[in-house]
């Protein structure tokens, strides 16, 4: 069977977040299960030069009042892998992948180009798997325009990676979509006078997946549904909405083989983790740092979703604790500047506002705790990476955080981390206090939880097997 993946990013070709990890993992691992995989991505200017993209063919199609050209560049990976990068310099020859006023036009073009390619040159039946709003229109095009004489998709799957981003824009952009005017109604792509591209994937797929079971339930509620909860509840009676927890690449994130850390280690050799901690504290906090104190890391984007604001509401409460705090990430300027200011005020707080792969790996290996107090979290990957390095997560129990971090207060020897429920600085502080109590006062329990975390299986094998079940449903 052939699986056609359509997405705006996939590691290692283009990545800005968890979407890239999931699509990259499907592209990497599905061939190991006997599938042929074709991946469509935009041809961004910053794609790795070591990936040899060879121009294969091009086509033109009407786009509003003009004609546009799409060029298709092919890369053949391992056996059973093909990548097509959709090129058009005016849309994708830019410094960044996202963040432009015409992002909707760019990805309407991308979806149209992918469909035009498939309808002309796709050979044999296939499963279509589209990801997030940037590729959602492909589902609608297959439903409306796929000719009956061509081998059709045996299954159309649409994955929601983050419902907060839906591809909403001005209603007049519908003229670029190339669907009948009847599709610009409340029942289809219209959304309070605007166009909503995410709805195309929800409505015209046969199965909807999300990146954790809890998030699949949460998005059907007003609190997490981002204005689409009514539609999702209605759809849940007609089609499956399935949550599949992301995995992590254990060939990249594994303390026993990681070349970016100081000392490799495993659950039976936690002395190696302590050596990483001592090195990290010396490098980041200076030679006088006390290695008997816990190191708490925040490794994520500095945005509202990730709960950074909670630290800013009551900084003295958190940063007066007997612990070191390390923040690594980039995000909104407001949060970056506020955290940098706190690092000037509190000597036990260090902030690095850049993407640094080596430093991230070293921080995972060195830290005792990872804190992730998300407002919402479709899946999250930081907490799974942290656990594989023996770093205990302190998380808000939502979405994938609830599904992956085990917190049994009445049987803590089975736990792998600490959860709290209410999105507030007070509840986060209580969870941090609970974690520090275990660290200082219950050392045997702390070690047991570290071993539990490291022995958790977050490899992609389980997730890929679930996706294969979905393809065959």
Protein backbone atom coordinates (compact mmCIF):
# COMPACT_ATOMS: atom_id res chain seq x y z
CA UNK A 1 0.00 0.00 0.00
CA UNK A 2 1.13 3.57 -0.66
CA UNK A 3 0.59 6.35 1.87
CA UNK A 4 0.61 9.92 0.56
CA UNK A 5 1.53 12.39 3.30
CA UNK A 6 0.77 16.08 2.75
CA UNK A 7 2.08 18.58 5.30
CA UNK A 8 3.77 21.94 5.70
CA UNK A 9 6.79 20.46 7.50
CA UNK A 10 8.60 17.21 8.20
CA UNK A 11 11.88 16.60 9.99
CA UNK A 12 14.67 16.72 8.79
CA UNK A 13 13.59 18.64 5.67
CA UNK A 14 11.67 21.45 7.38
CA UNK A 15 10.58 21.77 11.00
CA UNK A 16 9.25 24.38 13.41
CA UNK A 17 7.50 22.16 15.96
CA UNK A 18 5.79 18.88 16.78
CA UNK A 19 4.03 18.68 13.41
CA UNK A 20 7.42 18.26 11.76
CA UNK A 21 8.36 15.48 14.18
CA UNK A 22 5.19 13.47 13.51
CA UNK A 23 5.28 13.72 9.71
CA UNK A 24 9.01 13.08 9.64
CA UNK A 25 8.56 9.97 11.78
CA UNK A 26 5.79 8.63 9.52
CA UNK A 27 8.00 9.20 6.48
CA UNK A 28 10.92 7.49 8.20
CA UNK A 29 9.23 4.51 9.82
CA UNK A 30 6.29 3.50 7.61
CA UNK A 31 8.60 1.88 5.00
CA UNK A 32 9.96 -0.35 7.77
CA UNK A 33 6.42 -1.75 8.04
CA UNK A 34 6.20 -2.48 4.32
CA UNK A 35 4.54 0.74 3.10
CA UNK A 36 5.58 2.94 0.21
CA UNK A 37 5.47 6.58 1.30
CA UNK A 38 5.21 9.74 -0.80
CA UNK A 39 5.58 13.03 1.05
CA UNK A 40 4.58 16.45 -0.31
CA UNK A 41 6.13 19.54 1.29
CA UNK A 42 6.56 23.16 0.20
CA UNK A 43 10.01 23.86 -1.23
CA UNK A 44 11.20 26.34 1.38
CA UNK A 45 14.33 28.41 0.80
CA UNK A 46 15.92 27.02 3.98
CA UNK A 47 15.58 23.29 3.21
CA UNK A 48 18.88 21.44 3.84
CA UNK A 49 21.30 21.71 0.95
CA UNK A 50 22.45 18.14 1.50
CA UNK A 51 19.02 16.91 0.36
CA UNK A 52 19.39 16.57 -3.43
CA UNK A 53 16.15 17.87 -4.95
CA UNK A 54 15.89 17.21 -8.68
CA UNK A 55 13.28 19.06 -10.73
CA UNK A 56 10.92 16.47 -12.13
CA UNK A 57 7.97 18.28 -13.74
CA UNK A 58 5.83 21.41 -13.52
CA UNK A 59 2.26 22.47 -14.20
CA UNK A 60 0.09 25.56 -14.32
CA UNK A 61 -3.40 26.16 -12.96
CA UNK A 62 -5.72 29.14 -12.45
CA UNK A 63 -5.38 30.89 -9.11
CA UNK A 64 -7.98 33.60 -8.71
CA UNK A 65 -7.62 35.92 -11.71
CA UNK A 66 -4.16 34.70 -12.69
CA UNK A 67 -2.32 31.55 -13.70
CA UNK A 68 0.37 30.18 -11.38
CA UNK A 69 3.12 27.64 -11.93
CA UNK A 70 4.06 24.87 -9.53
CA UNK A 71 7.35 23.04 -9.92
CA UNK A 72 7.91 19.62 -8.38
CA UNK A 73 11.33 18.64 -7.11
CA UNK A 74 11.90 15.00 -6.21
CA UNK A 75 14.12 13.42 -3.60
CA UNK A 76 14.28 9.65 -3.27
CA UNK A 77 15.23 8.58 0.22
CA UNK A 78 15.58 4.99 1.32
CA UNK A 79 13.62 2.14 -0.18
CA UNK A 80 9.94 3.01 -0.41
CA UNK A 81 10.43 6.77 0.22
CA UNK A 82 9.80 9.67 -2.14
CA UNK A 83 9.66 13.38 -1.32
CA UNK A 84 8.14 15.97 -3.64
CA UNK A 85 8.92 19.58 -2.77
CA UNK A 86 6.39 21.97 -4.32
CA UNK A 87 8.26 24.99 -5.62
CA UNK A 88 7.19 28.55 -6.34
CA UNK A 89 9.66 31.21 -5.27
CA UNK A 90 7.07 33.94 -4.83
CA UNK A 91 5.31 31.81 -2.21
CA UNK A 92 8.11 29.80 -0.59
CA UNK A 93 11.42 31.48 -1.44
CA UNK A 94 11.38 33.39 1.84
CA UNK A 95 13.38 33.59 5.07
CA UNK A 96 10.76 31.86 7.24
CA UNK A 97 8.30 29.02 6.81
CA UNK A 98 5.34 30.88 8.36
CA UNK A 99 4.35 34.25 9.71
CA UNK A 100 3.44 36.22 6.59
CA UNK A 101 0.22 38.15 5.86
CA UNK A 102 -0.41 35.94 2.83
CA UNK A 103 0.07 32.58 4.58
CA UNK A 104 -3.42 31.45 3.57
CA UNK A 105 -2.75 32.22 -0.10
CA UNK A 106 0.57 30.34 0.12
CA UNK A 107 -0.98 27.16 1.45
CA UNK A 108 -4.09 27.31 -0.71
CA UNK A 109 -1.60 27.27 -3.59
CA UNK A 110 0.28 24.36 -1.99
CA UNK A 111 -2.88 22.27 -1.54
CA UNK A 112 -4.03 23.01 -5.09
CA UNK A 113 -0.62 22.06 -6.50
CA UNK A 114 -0.55 18.75 -4.61
CA UNK A 115 -4.02 17.83 -5.84
CA UNK A 116 -3.16 18.78 -9.44
CA UNK A 117 -0.13 16.49 -9.22
CA UNK A 118 -2.07 13.57 -7.75
CA UNK A 119 -4.94 13.77 -10.19
CA UNK A 120 -2.51 13.72 -13.14
CA UNK A 121 0.31 11.41 -12.11
CA UNK A 122 -0.56 9.33 -9.02
CA UNK A 123 -0.24 5.65 -9.91
CA UNK A 124 -2.49 3.14 -8.20
CA UNK A 125 -4.69 3.38 -5.08
CA UNK A 126 -3.34 5.13 -2.01
CA UNK A 127 -4.15 6.34 1.48
CA UNK A 128 -4.19 10.13 1.72
CA UNK A 129 -3.01 11.51 5.06
CA UNK A 130 -3.20 15.31 5.42
CA UNK A 131 -1.91 17.28 8.39
CA UNK A 132 -3.34 20.53 9.82
CA UNK A 133 -4.93 23.40 7.95
CA UNK A 134 -2.08 23.92 5.50
CA UNK A 135 -3.04 20.77 3.59
CA UNK A 136 -6.71 20.39 4.55
CA UNK A 137 -8.06 21.52 1.17
CA UNK A 138 -6.59 18.44 -0.52
CA UNK A 139 -9.30 16.40 1.24
CA UNK A 140 -12.03 18.62 -0.26
CA UNK A 141 -10.51 18.49 -3.74
CA UNK A 142 -10.44 14.69 -3.68
CA UNK A 143 -14.09 14.61 -2.61
CA UNK A 144 -15.25 17.11 -5.24
CA UNK A 145 -12.98 16.66 -8.25
CA UNK A 146 -11.37 13.21 -8.26
CA UNK A 147 -12.36 11.55 -11.59
CA UNK A 148 -14.06 8.15 -11.32
CA UNK A 149 -11.77 6.59 -13.95
CA UNK A 150 -8.64 7.17 -11.81
CA UNK A 151 -7.61 4.84 -8.92
CA UNK A 152 -9.00 6.62 -5.88
CA UNK A 153 -7.81 7.02 -2.33
CA UNK A 154 -8.83 4.03 -0.25
CA UNK A 155 -8.89 6.18 2.86
CA UNK A 156 -8.64 9.90 3.60
CA UNK A 157 -7.18 10.68 7.04
CA UNK A 158 -6.83 14.15 8.54
CA UNK A 159 -4.73 14.87 11.62
CA UNK A 160 -5.22 17.85 13.93
CA UNK A 161 -1.89 18.75 15.50
CA UNK A 162 -3.08 21.97 17.13
CA UNK A 163 -6.67 23.18 16.84
CA UNK A 164 -5.62 26.69 17.85
CA UNK A 165 -4.31 27.19 14.31
CA UNK A 166 -7.12 26.72 11.78
CA UNK A 167 -6.16 28.72 8.69
CA UNK A 168 -8.80 31.43 9.17
CA UNK A 169 -8.77 34.41 6.81
CA UNK A 170 -10.85 36.89 4.86
CA UNK A 171 -13.88 35.51 3.09
CA UNK A 172 -12.81 36.95 -0.26
CA UNK A 173 -9.90 34.47 -0.32
CA UNK A 174 -12.45 31.79 -1.18
CA UNK A 175 -12.08 32.84 -4.83
CA UNK A 176 -8.62 31.22 -4.78
CA UNK A 177 -9.89 27.89 -3.49
CA UNK A 178 -11.50 26.69 -6.74
CA UNK A 179 -14.52 25.06 -5.13
CA UNK A 180 -18.20 25.79 -5.94
CA UNK A 181 -19.75 28.79 -4.15
CA UNK A 182 -21.98 26.38 -2.21
CA UNK A 183 -18.86 25.37 -0.26
CA UNK A 184 -18.63 28.86 1.25
CA UNK A 185 -21.48 28.31 3.69
CA UNK A 186 -21.66 27.62 7.43
CA UNK A 187 -22.00 23.89 6.71
CA UNK A 188 -18.68 23.87 4.89
CA UNK A 189 -15.77 26.36 4.85
CA UNK A 190 -17.42 29.59 5.99
CA UNK A 191 -16.66 30.64 9.61
CA UNK A 192 -18.34 33.82 10.88
CA UNK A 193 -17.87 35.51 7.50
CA UNK A 194 -14.31 34.25 7.12
CA UNK A 195 -12.86 31.19 5.43
CA UNK A 196 -11.67 28.35 7.65
CA UNK A 197 -9.37 25.89 5.87
CA UNK A 198 -9.21 23.45 8.80
CA UNK A 199 -12.89 22.66 8.24
CA UNK A 200 -12.07 21.17 4.84
CA UNK A 201 -9.98 18.46 6.49
CA UNK A 202 -12.54 17.80 9.20
CA UNK A 203 -15.49 17.56 6.83
CA UNK A 204 -13.99 15.74 3.85
CA UNK A 205 -11.88 13.08 5.57
CA UNK A 206 -13.14 9.68 6.64
CA UNK A 207 -11.16 9.55 9.88
CA UNK A 208 -9.90 12.43 12.03
CA UNK A 209 -6.96 11.85 14.33
CA UNK A 210 -5.33 14.02 16.97
CA UNK A 211 -2.01 13.58 18.71
CA UNK A 212 -3.28 12.24 22.04
CA UNK A 213 -6.45 10.48 23.30
CA UNK A 214 -7.21 13.16 25.91
CA UNK A 215 -6.90 15.95 23.33
CA UNK A 216 -9.33 14.05 21.06
CA UNK A 217 -11.90 14.35 23.85
CA UNK A 218 -10.96 17.89 24.90
CA UNK A 219 -11.46 19.45 21.46
CA UNK A 220 -15.14 18.48 21.58
CA UNK A 221 -15.61 20.80 24.58
CA UNK A 222 -16.05 24.59 24.55
CA UNK A 223 -12.91 25.06 26.69
CA UNK A 224 -10.57 23.48 24.16
CA UNK A 225 -12.65 23.45 20.95
CA UNK A 226 -11.50 26.85 19.63
CA UNK A 227 -14.97 27.58 18.23
CA UNK A 228 -15.22 24.23 16.41
CA UNK A 229 -16.39 22.11 19.35
CA UNK A 230 -19.98 21.96 18.04
CA UNK A 231 -18.83 20.75 14.64
CA UNK A 232 -16.48 18.21 16.20
CA UNK A 233 -19.18 16.85 18.50
CA UNK A 234 -21.49 16.45 15.51
CA UNK A 235 -18.74 14.80 13.45
CA UNK A 236 -17.96 12.36 16.25
CA UNK A 237 -21.34 10.71 15.64
CA UNK A 238 -20.51 10.14 11.96
CA UNK A 239 -16.83 9.32 11.91
CA UNK A 240 -14.03 8.26 14.20
CA UNK A 241 -11.97 10.91 16.03
CA UNK A 242 -8.97 9.00 17.31
CA UNK A 243 -6.12 10.16 19.54
CA UNK A 244 -2.66 8.69 18.90
CA UNK A 245 0.16 9.81 21.18
CA UNK A 246 3.26 11.01 19.34
CA UNK A 247 6.51 9.16 19.80
CA UNK A 248 10.07 10.41 20.02
CA UNK A 249 12.95 9.32 17.82
CA UNK A 250 14.91 7.05 20.15
CA UNK A 251 17.75 7.05 17.63
CA UNK A 252 18.16 10.77 18.41
CA UNK A 253 16.93 11.13 22.01
CA UNK A 254 18.55 8.40 24.08
CA UNK A 255 21.04 9.06 26.89
CA UNK A 256 22.85 5.81 26.17
CA UNK A 257 23.91 6.85 22.64
CA UNK A 258 23.52 10.65 22.58
CA UNK A 259 26.72 12.25 21.19
CA UNK A 260 25.70 15.74 22.41
CA UNK A 261 25.89 15.04 26.13
CA UNK A 262 28.97 14.82 28.35
CA UNK A 263 28.50 11.32 29.77
CA UNK A 264 26.24 8.63 28.35
CA UNK A 265 24.16 6.70 30.85
CA UNK A 266 21.11 4.51 31.45
CA UNK A 267 18.66 3.67 34.21
CA UNK A 268 21.22 1.31 35.73
CA UNK A 269 23.96 3.99 35.62
CA UNK A 270 22.53 7.23 36.98
CA UNK A 271 25.98 8.41 38.04
CA UNK A 272 26.41 9.43 34.40
CA UNK A 273 23.41 11.72 34.70
CA UNK A 274 24.99 13.38 37.74
CA UNK A 275 28.15 14.09 35.72
CA UNK A 276 26.06 15.83 33.08
CA UNK A 277 24.40 17.90 35.79
CA UNK A 278 27.73 18.95 37.32
CA UNK A 279 29.10 19.95 33.92
CA UNK A 280 25.95 21.87 33.03
CA UNK A 281 25.78 23.76 36.32
CA UNK A 282 29.42 24.73 36.01
CA UNK A 283 28.98 25.89 32.41
CA UNK A 284 25.69 27.79 32.90
CA UNK A 285 25.66 28.85 36.57
CA UNK A 286 29.38 29.02 37.32
CA UNK A 287 31.82 27.01 39.38
CA UNK A 288 30.19 27.77 42.73
CA UNK A 289 26.89 26.10 41.83
CA UNK A 290 25.66 23.55 44.38
CA UNK A 291 25.03 20.23 42.63
CA UNK A 292 22.98 18.95 45.57
CA UNK A 293 20.24 21.41 44.66
CA UNK A 294 17.74 20.37 41.98
CA UNK A 295 17.88 21.78 38.46
CA UNK A 296 14.48 22.62 36.94
CA UNK A 297 14.33 23.20 33.18
CA UNK A 298 11.76 24.76 30.89
CA UNK A 299 12.54 23.74 27.29
CA UNK A 300 9.78 24.96 25.01
CA UNK A 301 8.40 27.99 23.19
CA UNK A 302 7.95 31.17 25.22
CA UNK A 303 4.27 31.64 24.37
CA UNK A 304 0.97 31.84 26.23
CA UNK A 305 0.07 28.24 25.41
CA UNK A 306 3.10 26.88 27.27
CA UNK A 307 2.20 28.62 30.53
CA UNK A 308 5.20 30.97 30.77
CA UNK A 309 2.93 33.64 32.21
CA UNK A 310 2.50 31.67 35.44
CA UNK A 311 6.14 32.26 36.38
CA UNK A 312 5.80 35.99 35.72
CA UNK A 313 2.73 36.33 37.96
CA UNK A 314 4.63 35.37 41.10
CA UNK A 315 8.36 35.16 40.33
CA UNK A 316 9.59 35.47 43.90
CA UNK A 317 7.44 32.51 44.91
CA UNK A 318 9.15 30.23 42.40
CA UNK A 319 12.67 31.62 42.24
CA UNK A 320 13.19 31.81 45.99
CA UNK A 321 12.98 28.02 46.18
CA UNK A 322 16.23 26.10 46.77
CA UNK A 323 16.62 25.18 43.11
CA UNK A 324 18.24 26.28 39.86
CA UNK A 325 15.98 27.29 36.97
CA UNK A 326 16.98 27.11 33.31
CA UNK A 327 14.76 28.42 30.48
CA UNK A 328 15.61 27.53 26.87
CA UNK A 329 13.51 28.57 23.90
CA UNK A 330 12.26 31.36 21.70
CA UNK A 331 8.86 32.96 21.36
CA UNK A 332 6.98 36.16 21.97
CA UNK A 333 9.21 39.17 22.63
CA UNK A 334 7.19 40.08 25.73
CA UNK A 335 7.98 36.76 27.41
CA UNK A 336 11.59 36.66 26.21
CA UNK A 337 12.26 40.13 27.64
CA UNK A 338 10.45 39.41 30.94
CA UNK A 339 12.41 36.20 31.52
CA UNK A 340 15.69 37.90 30.68
CA UNK A 341 14.87 40.60 33.24
CA UNK A 342 14.20 37.94 35.89
CA UNK A 343 17.55 36.31 35.17
CA UNK A 344 19.17 39.64 36.05
CA UNK A 345 17.30 39.76 39.34
CA UNK A 346 17.68 36.12 40.44
CA UNK A 347 21.14 34.52 40.21
CA UNK A 348 19.60 31.02 40.25
CA UNK A 349 17.71 31.73 36.99
CA UNK A 350 19.34 31.50 33.57
CA UNK A 351 17.58 32.15 30.26
CA UNK A 352 18.79 31.32 26.74
CA UNK A 353 16.60 32.71 23.94
CA UNK A 354 17.76 30.77 20.91
CA UNK A 355 17.38 27.36 19.31
CA UNK A 356 20.38 25.31 20.42
CA UNK A 357 20.21 21.56 19.82
CA UNK A 358 23.35 20.74 21.82
CA UNK A 359 22.25 22.81 24.80
CA UNK A 360 18.77 21.27 24.71
CA UNK A 361 20.16 17.71 24.82
CA UNK A 362 22.55 18.67 27.61
CA UNK A 363 19.77 20.33 29.60
CA UNK A 364 17.55 17.24 29.31
CA UNK A 365 20.44 15.07 30.53
CA UNK A 366 21.43 17.43 33.37
CA UNK A 367 18.05 18.46 34.80
CA UNK A 368 16.21 16.80 37.65
CA UNK A 369 12.83 18.21 36.62
CA UNK A 370 11.21 19.61 33.50
CA UNK A 371 8.30 22.01 34.03
CA UNK A 372 5.59 22.38 31.38
CA UNK A 373 2.46 24.12 32.76
CA UNK A 374 0.61 24.34 29.45
CA UNK A 375 -2.71 26.11 29.02
CA UNK A 376 -3.47 23.35 26.51
CA UNK A 377 -1.22 20.70 24.97
CA UNK A 378 -2.30 18.52 22.04
CA UNK A 379 0.53 16.10 22.77
CA UNK A 380 3.83 17.65 23.77
CA UNK A 381 7.20 16.12 23.12
CA UNK A 382 9.41 17.77 25.75
CA UNK A 383 8.00 15.70 28.58
CA UNK A 384 8.67 12.43 26.73
CA UNK A 385 12.23 13.41 25.87
CA UNK A 386 12.76 14.47 29.48
CA UNK A 387 11.55 11.13 30.84
CA UNK A 388 13.83 9.21 28.49
CA UNK A 389 16.74 11.14 30.07
CA UNK A 390 15.52 10.50 33.63
CA UNK A 391 14.20 14.02 34.13
CA UNK A 392 10.85 14.06 35.92
CA UNK A 393 8.14 16.26 34.34
CA UNK A 394 6.01 18.69 36.35
CA UNK A 395 3.04 19.30 34.04
CA UNK A 396 -0.52 20.50 33.88
CA UNK A 397 -2.74 17.45 33.35
CA UNK A 398 -4.17 18.33 29.95
CA UNK A 399 -3.98 16.72 26.52
CA UNK A 400 -0.96 14.59 25.84
CA UNK A 401 0.67 15.65 29.11
CA UNK A 402 -2.08 13.84 30.99
CA UNK A 403 -1.69 10.78 28.75
CA UNK A 404 2.10 10.44 29.03
CA UNK A 405 3.03 11.52 32.58
CA UNK A 406 2.00 9.05 35.30
CA UNK A 407 1.14 10.62 38.67
CA UNK A 408 -0.39 8.26 41.23
CA UNK A 409 -0.40 10.17 44.56
CA UNK A 410 -1.76 7.11 46.38
CA UNK A 411 0.87 4.79 44.87
CA UNK A 412 3.77 7.11 43.99
CA UNK A 413 6.24 4.28 43.38
CA UNK A 414 4.48 3.76 40.03
CA UNK A 415 4.72 7.43 39.04
CA UNK A 416 6.92 9.06 36.40
CA UNK A 417 6.22 12.72 37.20
CA UNK A 418 3.89 15.26 38.78
CA UNK A 419 0.60 16.69 37.50
CA UNK A 420 -1.65 19.54 38.55
CA UNK A 421 -5.03 20.52 37.11
CA UNK A 422 -5.91 24.18 37.56
CA UNK A 423 -4.11 26.67 35.29
CA UNK A 424 -2.79 28.95 38.01
CA UNK A 425 0.53 29.96 39.53
CA UNK A 426 -0.68 28.68 42.90
CA UNK A 427 -1.35 25.14 41.65
CA UNK A 428 1.88 25.05 39.67
CA UNK A 429 3.77 26.10 42.79
CA UNK A 430 2.13 23.34 44.84
CA UNK A 431 3.23 20.79 42.23
CA UNK A 432 6.79 22.11 42.27
CA UNK A 433 6.78 21.96 46.08
CA UNK A 434 5.62 18.35 45.94
CA UNK A 435 8.41 17.50 43.50
CA UNK A 436 11.05 19.19 45.67
CA UNK A 437 9.80 17.35 48.75
CA UNK A 438 10.38 14.02 46.98
CA UNK A 439 13.82 15.20 45.79
CA UNK A 440 15.03 16.29 49.24
CA UNK A 441 13.10 14.07 51.65
CA UNK A 442 12.29 10.82 49.77
CA UNK A 443 15.45 10.06 47.83
CA UNK A 444 14.61 6.39 47.31
CA UNK A 445 11.21 7.30 45.83
CA UNK A 446 12.86 9.94 43.64
CA UNK A 447 15.28 7.38 42.20
CA UNK A 448 12.42 4.90 41.64
CA UNK A 449 10.45 7.52 39.70
CA UNK A 450 13.52 8.37 37.61
CA UNK A 451 13.97 4.70 36.67
CA UNK A 452 10.23 4.39 35.89
CA UNK A 453 10.46 7.41 33.60
CA UNK A 454 13.50 6.07 31.75
CA UNK A 455 11.86 2.69 31.24
CA UNK A 456 8.72 4.20 29.68
CA UNK A 457 8.38 3.32 25.98
CA UNK A 458 7.88 6.45 23.88
CA UNK A 459 9.36 5.03 20.69
CA UNK A 460 7.52 5.58 17.42
CA UNK A 461 6.84 1.85 17.04
CA UNK A 462 3.60 1.95 19.03
CA UNK A 463 2.37 5.15 17.37
CA UNK A 464 3.13 3.89 13.86
CA UNK A 465 1.24 0.68 14.55
CA UNK A 466 -1.79 2.75 15.60
CA UNK A 467 -1.61 4.81 12.40
CA UNK A 468 -1.44 1.60 10.38
CA UNK A 469 -4.62 0.44 12.10
CA UNK A 470 -6.25 3.74 11.11
CA UNK A 471 -5.18 3.32 7.49
CA UNK A 472 -6.84 -0.08 7.45
CA UNK A 473 -10.06 0.84 9.32
